C-alpha cells in the first residue's frame, strides 16, 4: 500500500482548519493553496505555493513533488468541486489524506435555513452564468458556486431574462469569515442594478425560483412542419412521466427532434436532454428554438445510429422520427437502463406496424390519439381531423 505523501486540508474563509486536521502538516516544505489561506495559516514565504494562473501549472508543480511530504489548503470540502477531486484524476486514493471542512453549500444552507436535501447544488465557477437555466424550475431552490464578485449580476440577468425575475435571491459573501454578509434582493432588481457594487469575490448565489418561462407553443417555434403539435406534445410529456406541477432530473434522448419542442418542454420541467437530428434545416431550427427559449441542451447532428455513441446516457427516450427503424430502436432500447421509459409516436403505416410489433414483444401500453380542430368549410365551421398518432409507452 502506498504511503500517503499529500495532505489536503479544508479551511473556512477565516483560515480555520477542518476539525481534526493535523497542524503539523502545515510544516511541510511546500504548502499549496489560495494566497489568502496560506497567509491566514501563517505559512512562511519560502514554503508558500500560491496557485498560479493558469491553475493547471500549479497542479503540475504539485504532481512533480510526488512522494515528498506536501500539503494543500483548500476552501471548504476539497472533494466537492474542489482540488482533491481534481487531484484524484492523477493520484491514487491512498496517496493522500483529506480533511474536509464544511462546504460552501453547507454554510450557505445553514445561513438560509434551507434543508440541503431539498436544494439543487451546482458549480458555475468555470461555467457560463446562463447555465443556471438548466437547473431553474419554478419552486426549486438552487445554491450555485460562482466565479467572482461580478458573477451574481450575470446569473441574475440570465434568470430575469428567462422569466424568473420575481425570484428571491441571496448573495452569501465570505461565509464563515469576519466579512460574512448576506445580501437579499430579487433576480430582476439585481439584474437592473448595473451601477451597483460587485459582490465579495467569495460568494455563493442562492435563488428560490418563481415565475419561469411561459409554456412553449408551436406557433412561437421555427419549424418546417416536422413538429410535435401542442396537444400531442403535452400527452407525450405526460407519457414520459414528468410529475404534474413537479420537477424531475431525468435525461431525455429526443430522436428525430424536428423543432426540439418535446425536449424544450422536458428541460423546462427540470430535466436535461440530448437532441438528435440529421436534417440540416431542422438542426438550424432546433438551435434557434433553444436560443429563443433560453433552453440549455445538447444537440447531436447526423445519423442517430452513429450520433448516440458517447452521448450522455438516457433515463428516457422519445422517438418522434424514424419510428419504423428497427435497428435504431434496438440500439436505443439497449442504451436505456432498467426502469427507463421509452415513448414513440407513430403516424405512418410502417411506424404503426413497428409499434404494434414492439408492444407484442416488450409490453407497455398503446394509445391512439385522434384530434380534430375547428376549420372553415365553405361558409361554415366544422371539425377537421388531424393525422392520428399511435403512441407506445414502455418501461424497461
Protein backbone atom coordinates (compact mmCIF):
# COMPACT_ATOMS: atom_id res chain seq x y z
CA UNK A 1 0.00 0.00 0.00
CA UNK A 2 1.32 3.45 -0.94
CA UNK A 3 2.25 5.71 1.97
CA UNK A 4 0.25 8.99 1.83
CA UNK A 5 2.55 11.87 0.96
CA UNK A 6 -0.09 14.51 0.30
CA UNK A 7 -2.35 16.09 2.94
CA UNK A 8 -5.36 18.09 1.72
CA UNK A 9 -6.97 20.25 4.40
CA UNK A 10 -10.23 22.08 4.03
CA UNK A 11 -10.46 25.52 5.62
CA UNK A 12 -13.06 28.11 6.50
CA UNK A 13 -12.61 31.56 4.88
CA UNK A 14 -11.14 32.72 8.20
CA UNK A 15 -8.33 30.23 7.69
CA UNK A 16 -9.54 27.88 10.45
CA UNK A 17 -8.59 24.31 9.62
CA UNK A 18 -11.03 21.45 9.29
CA UNK A 19 -11.82 19.68 12.58
CA UNK A 20 -9.20 17.05 13.29
CA UNK A 21 -6.77 18.28 10.65
CA UNK A 22 -3.14 17.67 11.67
CA UNK A 23 -1.47 21.02 12.36
CA UNK A 24 1.96 19.50 11.80
CA UNK A 25 1.01 19.18 8.11
CA UNK A 26 1.47 22.95 7.94
CA UNK A 27 5.19 22.36 8.45
CA UNK A 28 5.62 20.58 5.11
CA UNK A 29 8.36 22.07 2.94
CA UNK A 30 5.74 23.01 0.32
CA UNK A 31 2.18 24.14 1.10
CA UNK A 32 -0.09 24.86 -1.86
CA UNK A 33 -3.35 26.80 -1.82
CA UNK A 34 -5.02 30.18 -2.36
CA UNK A 35 -2.82 33.06 -1.21
CA UNK A 36 -5.39 34.21 1.38
CA UNK A 37 -5.46 30.79 3.08
CA UNK A 38 -1.68 30.45 3.05
CA UNK A 39 -1.37 33.86 4.73
CA UNK A 40 -4.13 33.08 7.24
CA UNK A 41 -2.40 29.81 8.16
CA UNK A 42 0.93 31.59 8.73
CA UNK A 43 2.86 29.74 6.03
CA UNK A 44 6.23 31.48 5.51
CA UNK A 45 7.26 32.77 2.09
CA UNK A 46 9.81 30.02 1.44
CA UNK A 47 7.23 27.23 1.74
CA UNK A 48 4.23 29.08 0.34
CA UNK A 49 3.00 27.89 -3.09
CA UNK A 50 0.01 30.05 -4.11
CA UNK A 51 -1.99 28.71 -7.05
CA UNK A 52 -0.80 30.40 -10.27
CA UNK A 53 -2.70 31.24 -13.42
CA UNK A 54 -3.23 29.06 -15.31
CA UNK A 55 -4.24 26.82 -12.45
CA UNK A 56 -3.01 23.73 -14.33
CA UNK A 57 0.58 24.94 -13.87
CA UNK A 58 0.15 24.73 -10.10
CA UNK A 59 -1.28 21.21 -10.32
CA UNK A 60 1.68 20.19 -12.47
CA UNK A 61 4.11 21.64 -9.91
CA UNK A 62 2.37 19.74 -7.13
CA UNK A 63 2.49 16.46 -9.07
CA UNK A 64 6.23 16.98 -9.63
CA UNK A 65 6.63 16.61 -5.85
CA UNK A 66 5.07 13.15 -5.88
CA UNK A 67 6.38 11.13 -2.96
CA UNK A 68 7.58 14.11 -0.91
CA UNK A 69 5.56 15.43 2.01
CA UNK A 70 3.27 18.16 0.67
CA UNK A 71 0.18 19.93 1.97
CA UNK A 72 -2.69 21.63 0.16
CA UNK A 73 -5.04 24.11 1.81
CA UNK A 74 -8.47 24.36 0.21
CA UNK A 75 -11.75 26.14 0.78
CA UNK A 76 -14.46 24.05 2.42
CA UNK A 77 -14.78 20.45 1.32
CA UNK A 78 -11.92 19.64 -1.10
CA UNK A 79 -13.93 16.77 -2.60
CA UNK A 80 -16.94 18.93 -3.55
CA UNK A 81 -15.99 20.77 -6.75
CA UNK A 82 -12.57 21.14 -5.12
CA UNK A 83 -8.87 20.44 -5.51
CA UNK A 84 -8.97 16.93 -4.05
CA UNK A 85 -11.46 15.86 -6.73
CA UNK A 86 -9.12 17.32 -9.37
CA UNK A 87 -6.01 15.61 -7.99
CA UNK A 88 -7.72 12.22 -7.81
CA UNK A 89 -7.71 12.20 -11.60
CA UNK A 90 -3.93 11.74 -11.45
CA UNK A 91 -3.26 10.27 -7.99
CA UNK A 92 -4.27 7.04 -6.34
CA UNK A 93 -6.60 7.50 -3.37
CA UNK A 94 -4.07 6.04 -0.92
CA UNK A 95 -1.50 8.72 -1.86
CA UNK A 96 -3.39 11.40 0.07
CA UNK A 97 -5.33 12.08 3.22
CA UNK A 98 -8.25 14.50 3.10
CA UNK A 99 -9.70 16.56 5.94
CA UNK A 100 -12.91 18.33 4.85
CA UNK A 101 -14.27 21.50 6.39
CA UNK A 102 -17.94 22.48 5.96
CA UNK A 103 -18.58 23.14 2.28
CA UNK A 104 -19.77 26.48 0.96
CA UNK A 105 -23.09 24.74 0.25
CA UNK A 106 -23.41 23.67 3.89
CA UNK A 107 -22.53 27.14 5.17
CA UNK A 108 -24.98 28.78 2.76
CA UNK A 109 -27.79 26.37 3.60
CA UNK A 110 -27.23 26.99 7.31
CA UNK A 111 -27.34 30.77 6.81
CA UNK A 112 -30.60 30.49 4.85
CA UNK A 113 -32.11 27.69 6.98
CA UNK A 114 -32.59 25.60 3.83
CA UNK A 115 -32.53 21.79 4.31
CA UNK A 116 -29.81 20.65 1.93
CA UNK A 117 -31.66 17.54 0.79
CA UNK A 118 -34.19 19.82 -0.91
CA UNK A 119 -31.65 22.08 -2.64
CA UNK A 120 -30.06 21.75 -6.08
CA UNK A 121 -26.31 22.34 -5.74
CA UNK A 122 -24.32 23.41 -8.81
CA UNK A 123 -20.98 24.98 -9.64
CA UNK A 124 -20.77 27.91 -12.05
CA UNK A 125 -17.12 28.53 -11.22
CA UNK A 126 -15.99 27.69 -14.74
CA UNK A 127 -19.38 27.53 -16.49
CA UNK A 128 -21.19 30.49 -18.12
CA UNK A 129 -23.75 32.19 -15.84
CA UNK A 130 -26.67 31.22 -18.09
CA UNK A 131 -26.03 27.54 -17.29
CA UNK A 132 -28.14 28.11 -14.17
CA UNK A 133 -31.14 27.91 -16.51
CA UNK A 134 -30.59 24.17 -16.95
CA UNK A 135 -31.47 23.80 -13.24
CA UNK A 136 -34.08 26.56 -12.93
CA UNK A 137 -37.63 25.27 -12.40
CA UNK A 138 -40.49 27.03 -10.59
CA UNK A 139 -40.39 26.11 -6.89
CA UNK A 140 -36.79 24.86 -6.94
CA UNK A 141 -34.11 26.17 -4.60
CA UNK A 142 -30.62 26.45 -6.08
CA UNK A 143 -27.24 27.12 -4.50
CA UNK A 144 -24.52 27.98 -7.01
CA UNK A 145 -20.80 28.38 -6.50
CA UNK A 146 -19.67 31.41 -8.50
CA UNK A 147 -16.53 32.58 -10.25
CA UNK A 148 -16.07 36.05 -8.73
CA UNK A 149 -17.81 39.18 -7.49
CA UNK A 150 -19.29 40.02 -10.91
CA UNK A 151 -20.99 36.66 -11.32
CA UNK A 152 -24.15 37.25 -9.22
CA UNK A 153 -25.36 40.06 -11.52
CA UNK A 154 -24.69 37.95 -14.60
CA UNK A 155 -26.55 34.98 -13.11
CA UNK A 156 -29.46 37.23 -12.09
CA UNK A 157 -29.58 38.69 -15.61
CA UNK A 158 -29.89 35.19 -17.09
CA UNK A 159 -32.67 34.32 -14.64
CA UNK A 160 -34.60 37.54 -15.24
CA UNK A 161 -34.32 37.13 -18.99
CA UNK A 162 -35.83 33.65 -18.73
CA UNK A 163 -38.86 34.81 -16.77
CA UNK A 164 -37.57 34.27 -13.23
CA UNK A 165 -37.22 37.96 -12.39
CA UNK A 166 -39.54 37.79 -9.37
CA UNK A 167 -37.45 35.06 -7.76
CA UNK A 168 -35.91 35.93 -4.36
CA UNK A 169 -32.13 35.68 -4.47
CA UNK A 170 -29.43 35.92 -1.83
CA UNK A 171 -25.72 36.57 -2.25
CA UNK A 172 -23.86 34.91 0.60
CA UNK A 173 -20.48 36.54 0.91
CA UNK A 174 -17.31 35.32 2.67
CA UNK A 175 -19.22 32.67 4.63
CA UNK A 176 -17.53 31.62 7.85
CA UNK A 177 -15.20 34.63 7.94
CA UNK A 178 -15.19 38.06 9.55
CA UNK A 179 -16.56 39.70 6.38
CA UNK A 180 -19.55 37.35 6.18
CA UNK A 181 -22.68 39.03 4.79
CA UNK A 182 -25.99 38.03 3.21
CA UNK A 183 -27.48 40.37 0.61
CA UNK A 184 -31.13 39.69 -0.27
CA UNK A 185 -32.96 41.00 -3.33
CA UNK A 186 -34.75 39.65 -6.41
CA UNK A 187 -33.26 38.47 -9.68
CA UNK A 188 -34.87 41.39 -11.54
CA UNK A 189 -33.63 44.02 -9.11
CA UNK A 190 -30.11 42.62 -9.04
CA UNK A 191 -30.00 42.41 -12.84
CA UNK A 192 -31.19 46.03 -13.11
CA UNK A 193 -28.56 47.32 -10.66
CA UNK A 194 -25.83 47.63 -13.28
CA UNK A 195 -24.10 50.50 -11.50
CA UNK A 196 -24.17 48.88 -8.08
CA UNK A 197 -21.08 47.41 -6.42
CA UNK A 198 -19.88 43.90 -7.15
CA UNK A 199 -20.21 41.20 -4.53
CA UNK A 200 -17.35 39.92 -2.39
CA UNK A 201 -15.16 37.68 -4.62
CA UNK A 202 -16.01 34.70 -2.39
CA UNK A 203 -19.73 34.21 -2.69
CA UNK A 204 -22.49 31.69 -3.15
CA UNK A 205 -25.55 32.60 -5.20
CA UNK A 206 -28.91 31.37 -3.87
CA UNK A 207 -32.25 31.55 -5.66
CA UNK A 208 -35.75 30.29 -4.94
CA UNK A 209 -37.20 30.05 -8.44
CA UNK A 210 -40.52 31.79 -9.01
CA UNK A 211 -42.24 32.61 -12.27
CA UNK A 212 -40.38 30.99 -15.10
CA UNK A 213 -40.90 30.81 -18.83
CA UNK A 214 -44.38 30.68 -20.31
CA UNK A 215 -45.36 27.38 -21.98
CA UNK A 216 -43.77 26.89 -25.38
CA UNK A 217 -46.21 26.99 -28.29
CA UNK A 218 -45.75 25.62 -31.78
CA UNK A 219 -46.68 29.00 -33.26
CA UNK A 220 -43.67 30.53 -31.47
CA UNK A 221 -41.18 27.97 -32.81
CA UNK A 222 -39.25 27.73 -36.05
CA UNK A 223 -40.16 24.56 -37.92
CA UNK A 224 -40.80 23.13 -41.38
CA UNK A 225 -43.95 21.29 -40.37
CA UNK A 226 -41.99 18.48 -38.70
CA UNK A 227 -43.10 19.40 -35.19
CA UNK A 228 -44.99 17.79 -32.33
CA UNK A 229 -48.18 19.82 -32.03
CA UNK A 230 -49.08 21.36 -28.69
CA UNK A 231 -51.76 18.86 -27.62
CA UNK A 232 -49.73 15.84 -28.76
CA UNK A 233 -46.65 17.22 -27.02
CA UNK A 234 -48.50 17.60 -23.72
CA UNK A 235 -49.65 13.98 -23.95
CA UNK A 236 -46.12 12.91 -24.88
CA UNK A 237 -44.60 14.73 -21.91
CA UNK A 238 -47.22 13.08 -19.68
CA UNK A 239 -46.31 9.67 -21.11
CA UNK A 240 -42.62 10.31 -20.43
CA UNK A 241 -43.57 10.82 -16.80
CA UNK A 242 -42.95 14.40 -15.67
CA UNK A 243 -44.98 14.82 -12.45
CA UNK A 244 -47.77 17.38 -12.76
CA UNK A 245 -46.56 20.68 -11.32
CA UNK A 246 -43.37 19.00 -10.16
CA UNK A 247 -39.75 18.72 -11.15
CA UNK A 248 -37.50 15.90 -12.23
CA UNK A 249 -33.89 15.26 -13.14
CA UNK A 250 -34.03 12.66 -15.93
CA UNK A 251 -32.04 12.82 -19.15
CA UNK A 252 -34.04 12.56 -22.38
CA UNK A 253 -32.89 11.39 -25.78
CA UNK A 254 -35.16 13.10 -28.35
CA UNK A 255 -34.72 11.12 -31.58
CA UNK A 256 -35.66 12.93 -34.77
CA UNK A 257 -36.12 16.07 -32.71
CA UNK A 258 -37.62 18.16 -35.55
CA UNK A 259 -38.17 21.56 -33.91
CA UNK A 260 -36.93 20.44 -30.47
CA UNK A 261 -40.32 21.16 -28.88
CA UNK A 262 -40.55 17.98 -26.77
CA UNK A 263 -37.02 18.37 -25.40
CA UNK A 264 -37.62 22.06 -24.64
CA UNK A 265 -40.68 21.26 -22.53
CA UNK A 266 -38.77 18.42 -20.86
CA UNK A 267 -35.90 20.74 -19.91
CA UNK A 268 -38.28 23.42 -18.65
CA UNK A 269 -39.60 20.88 -16.17
CA UNK A 270 -36.09 20.40 -14.77
CA UNK A 271 -34.63 17.61 -16.86
CA UNK A 272 -31.72 17.56 -19.29
CA UNK A 273 -31.78 16.42 -22.90
CA UNK A 274 -29.79 15.42 -25.94
CA UNK A 275 -31.49 16.12 -29.27
CA UNK A 276 -30.67 14.02 -32.34
CA UNK A 277 -31.44 15.32 -35.84
CA UNK A 278 -29.88 14.76 -39.26
CA UNK A 279 -31.78 17.29 -41.41
CA UNK A 280 -29.66 20.50 -41.71
CA UNK A 281 -32.66 22.83 -41.84
CA UNK A 282 -34.20 21.26 -38.75
CA UNK A 283 -30.88 21.41 -36.91
CA UNK A 284 -30.81 25.16 -37.55
CA UNK A 285 -34.40 25.45 -36.30
CA UNK A 286 -33.57 23.45 -33.16
CA UNK A 287 -30.65 25.72 -32.32
CA UNK A 288 -32.78 28.82 -32.94
CA UNK A 289 -35.59 27.48 -30.75
CA UNK A 290 -33.21 26.54 -27.94
CA UNK A 291 -31.76 30.05 -28.03
CA UNK A 292 -35.16 31.74 -28.21
CA UNK A 293 -36.49 29.77 -25.23
CA UNK A 294 -33.18 30.02 -23.34
CA UNK A 295 -33.04 26.24 -23.06
CA UNK A 296 -29.70 24.53 -22.44
CA UNK A 297 -29.48 21.13 -24.17
CA UNK A 298 -27.03 19.10 -26.24
CA UNK A 299 -27.58 18.73 -29.99
CA UNK A 300 -26.10 15.86 -31.98
CA UNK A 301 -26.13 16.11 -35.74
CA UNK A 302 -26.13 13.36 -38.34
CA UNK A 303 -27.38 9.81 -38.43
CA UNK A 304 -28.66 8.77 -35.00
CA UNK A 305 -27.09 5.30 -35.30
CA UNK A 306 -23.66 6.93 -35.02
CA UNK A 307 -24.63 10.01 -33.05
CA UNK A 308 -25.81 8.12 -29.95
CA UNK A 309 -22.28 6.81 -29.33
CA UNK A 310 -20.74 8.72 -26.44
CA UNK A 311 -23.88 10.73 -25.65
CA UNK A 312 -24.93 11.21 -22.03
CA UNK A 313 -26.83 8.01 -21.14
CA UNK A 314 -30.61 8.44 -21.14
CA UNK A 315 -33.20 7.73 -18.48
CA UNK A 316 -35.95 8.38 -21.05
CA UNK A 317 -36.11 8.00 -24.84
CA UNK A 318 -38.61 9.61 -27.20
CA UNK A 319 -38.75 8.58 -30.85
CA UNK A 320 -40.72 11.12 -32.81
CA UNK A 321 -38.89 10.25 -36.02
CA UNK A 322 -37.57 7.05 -37.63
CA UNK A 323 -40.09 5.03 -35.61
CA UNK A 324 -40.04 2.20 -38.17
CA UNK A 325 -36.22 1.82 -37.98
CA UNK A 326 -35.86 -1.48 -36.10
CA UNK A 327 -32.05 -1.33 -35.92
CA UNK A 328 -32.14 2.15 -34.39
CA UNK A 329 -34.85 1.11 -31.96
CA UNK A 330 -32.75 -1.87 -30.84
CA UNK A 331 -29.73 0.38 -30.19
CA UNK A 332 -31.85 2.86 -28.24
CA UNK A 333 -33.53 0.12 -26.19
CA UNK A 334 -30.11 -1.33 -25.33
CA UNK A 335 -28.91 2.13 -24.19
CA UNK A 336 -31.87 2.59 -21.85
CA UNK A 337 -31.26 1.36 -18.28
CA UNK A 338 -33.69 -0.86 -16.37
CA UNK A 339 -36.56 1.31 -15.18
CA UNK A 340 -36.10 3.72 -18.07
CA UNK A 341 -39.10 4.97 -20.06
CA UNK A 342 -39.45 4.63 -23.85
CA UNK A 343 -42.12 6.54 -25.79
CA UNK A 344 -42.77 6.55 -29.55
CA UNK A 345 -45.27 8.49 -31.65
CA UNK A 346 -46.11 6.87 -35.00
CA UNK A 347 -48.10 8.48 -37.82
CA UNK A 348 -47.12 6.29 -40.80
CA UNK A 349 -48.34 2.75 -41.55
CA UNK A 350 -44.76 1.45 -41.24
CA UNK A 351 -44.39 3.19 -37.90
CA UNK A 352 -47.69 1.79 -36.67
CA UNK A 353 -46.73 -1.74 -37.71
CA UNK A 354 -43.40 -1.45 -35.87
CA UNK A 355 -45.19 -0.07 -32.82
CA UNK A 356 -47.65 -2.96 -32.66
CA UNK A 357 -44.83 -5.49 -33.06
CA UNK A 358 -42.80 -3.89 -30.23
CA UNK A 359 -45.84 -3.86 -27.99
CA UNK A 360 -46.21 -7.59 -28.55
CA UNK A 361 -42.53 -8.15 -27.66
CA UNK A 362 -41.87 -5.63 -24.88
CA UNK A 363 -45.31 -4.92 -23.47
CA UNK A 364 -46.28 -1.44 -22.33
CA UNK A 365 -49.35 0.45 -23.47
CA UNK A 366 -50.61 1.72 -26.83
CA UNK A 367 -52.79 4.81 -27.11
CA UNK A 368 -54.48 6.15 -30.23
CA UNK A 369 -54.54 9.97 -30.19
CA UNK A 370 -57.07 11.43 -32.61
CA UNK A 371 -57.70 15.18 -32.56
CA UNK A 372 -59.93 17.48 -34.56
CA UNK A 373 -59.69 21.26 -34.80
CA UNK A 374 -62.22 23.80 -35.94
CA UNK A 375 -61.73 24.98 -39.52
CA UNK A 376 -63.86 26.79 -42.13
CA UNK A 377 -65.51 24.62 -44.75
CA UNK A 378 -67.26 26.79 -47.26
CA UNK A 379 -69.12 29.39 -45.28
CA UNK A 380 -69.44 27.20 -42.20
CA UNK A 381 -67.17 25.91 -39.41
CA UNK A 382 -66.51 22.23 -38.91
CA UNK A 383 -64.10 19.97 -37.05
CA UNK A 384 -61.23 18.92 -39.30
CA UNK A 385 -59.42 15.73 -38.20
CA UNK A 386 -55.65 15.86 -37.75
CA UNK A 387 -53.46 12.88 -38.59
CA UNK A 388 -53.91 10.32 -35.80
CA UNK A 389 -50.92 9.33 -33.67
CA UNK A 390 -50.28 5.84 -32.32
CA UNK A 391 -48.32 6.30 -29.08
CA UNK A 392 -46.46 3.49 -27.34
CA UNK A 393 -45.08 3.73 -23.81
CA UNK A 394 -42.97 1.07 -22.14
CA UNK A 395 -40.84 0.83 -19.00
CA UNK A 396 -37.76 -1.33 -19.49
